[in-house]
Amino acid sequence: MDLDYELTILADACADSDPEVHRVLLGKVFPRQASVLDTDAWVQSLRNRPSSSA
């Protein structure tokens, strides 16, 4: 985030041992710094990206 990278958190591919901490991080903390998506939405976003040519 500090280097202006576009961060994505995969909500269904991470966990915290405390379910309440997990809920707060994914619902309140992470969305301020990154996109929070599930893996299906993330894969779909990759498919919808224009291909880059070098």
C-alpha atoms as a PDB file:
ATOM      1  CA  MET A   1       0.000   0.000   0.000  1.00  0.00           C
ATOM      2  CA  ASP A   2       2.754   2.452   0.872  1.00  0.00           C
ATOM      3  CA  LEU A   3       4.285   1.962  -2.572  1.00  0.00           C
ATOM      4  CA  ASP A   4       0.937   2.541  -4.343  1.00  0.00           C
ATOM      5  CA  TYR A   5       0.439  -1.104  -5.230  1.00  0.00           C
ATOM      6  CA  GLU A   6      -3.171  -2.130  -5.787  1.00  0.00           C
ATOM      7  CA  LEU A   7      -3.698  -4.687  -3.035  1.00  0.00           C
ATOM      8  CA  THR A   8      -6.335  -7.399  -3.039  1.00  0.00           C
ATOM      9  CA  ILE A   9      -7.264  -9.458   0.013  1.00  0.00           C
ATOM     10  CA  LEU A  10      -8.889 -12.803  -0.795  1.00  0.00           C
ATOM     11  CA  ALA A  11     -11.449 -13.071   1.976  1.00  0.00           C
ATOM     12  CA  ASP A  12     -12.086 -16.786   1.608  1.00  0.00           C
ATOM     13  CA  ALA A  13      -8.378 -17.632   1.339  1.00  0.00           C
ATOM     14  CA  CYS A  14      -7.247 -16.214   4.675  1.00  0.00           C
ATOM     15  CA  ALA A  15      -8.255 -16.635   8.289  1.00  0.00           C
ATOM     16  CA  ASP A  16      -7.612 -15.570  11.845  1.00  0.00           C
ATOM     17  CA  SER A  17      -7.843 -17.916  14.790  1.00  0.00           C
ATOM     18  CA  ASP A  18     -10.339 -15.496  16.358  1.00  0.00           C
ATOM     19  CA  PRO A  19     -13.478 -15.242  14.166  1.00  0.00           C
ATOM     20  CA  GLU A  20     -14.309 -11.769  15.516  1.00  0.00           C
ATOM     21  CA  VAL A  21     -10.858 -10.420  14.634  1.00  0.00           C
ATOM     22  CA  HIS A  22     -11.236 -11.947  11.166  1.00  0.00           C
ATOM     23  CA  ARG A  23     -14.629 -10.267  10.717  1.00  0.00           C
ATOM     24  CA  VAL A  24     -13.346  -6.854  11.808  1.00  0.00           C
ATOM     25  CA  LEU A  25     -10.217  -7.048   9.665  1.00  0.00           C
ATOM     26  CA  LEU A  26     -12.114  -8.059   6.524  1.00  0.00           C
ATOM     27  CA  GLY A  27     -15.063  -5.770   7.122  1.00  0.00           C
ATOM     28  CA  LYS A  28     -13.464  -2.601   8.464  1.00  0.00           C
ATOM     29  CA  VAL A  29      -9.666  -2.520   8.405  1.00  0.00           C
ATOM     30  CA  PHE A  30      -8.620  -4.092   5.110  1.00  0.00           C
ATOM     31  CA  PRO A  31     -11.198  -2.299   2.904  1.00  0.00           C
ATOM     32  CA  ARG A  32      -9.500   1.007   3.796  1.00  0.00           C
ATOM     33  CA  GLN A  33      -6.253  -0.251   2.281  1.00  0.00           C
ATOM     34  CA  ALA A  34      -7.177  -2.851  -0.311  1.00  0.00           C
ATOM     35  CA  SER A  35      -9.912  -4.478  -2.336  1.00  0.00           C
ATOM     36  CA  VAL A  36     -11.498  -7.348  -0.413  1.00  0.00           C
ATOM     37  CA  LEU A  37     -12.820 -10.030  -2.763  1.00  0.00           C
ATOM     38  CA  ASP A  38     -13.602 -13.716  -2.618  1.00  0.00           C
ATOM     39  CA  THR A  39     -11.561 -15.973  -4.882  1.00  0.00           C
ATOM     40  CA  ASP A  40     -14.319 -16.326  -7.495  1.00  0.00           C
ATOM     41  CA  ALA A  41     -14.632 -12.540  -7.888  1.00  0.00           C
ATOM     42  CA  TRP A  42     -10.844 -12.210  -8.061  1.00  0.00           C
ATOM     43  CA  VAL A  43     -10.526 -14.844 -10.799  1.00  0.00           C
ATOM     44  CA  GLN A  44     -13.317 -13.126 -12.720  1.00  0.00           C
ATOM     45  CA  SER A  45     -11.521  -9.778 -12.391  1.00  0.00           C
ATOM     46  CA  LEU A  46      -8.388 -11.347 -13.887  1.00  0.00           C
ATOM     47  CA  ARG A  47     -10.375 -12.687 -16.829  1.00  0.00           C
ATOM     48  CA  ASN A  48     -11.880  -9.241 -17.464  1.00  0.00           C
ATOM     49  CA  ARG A  49      -8.539  -7.406 -17.508  1.00  0.00           C
ATOM     50  CA  PRO A  50      -7.312  -6.273 -20.872  1.00  0.00           C
ATOM     51  CA  SER A  51      -4.244  -8.222 -21.913  1.00  0.00           C
ATOM     52  CA  SER A  52      -1.029  -6.253 -21.968  1.00  0.00           C
ATOM     53  CA  SER A  53       1.236  -6.417 -24.971  1.00  0.00           C
ATOM     54  CA  ALA A  54       4.946  -5.955 -24.593  1.00  0.00           C
END
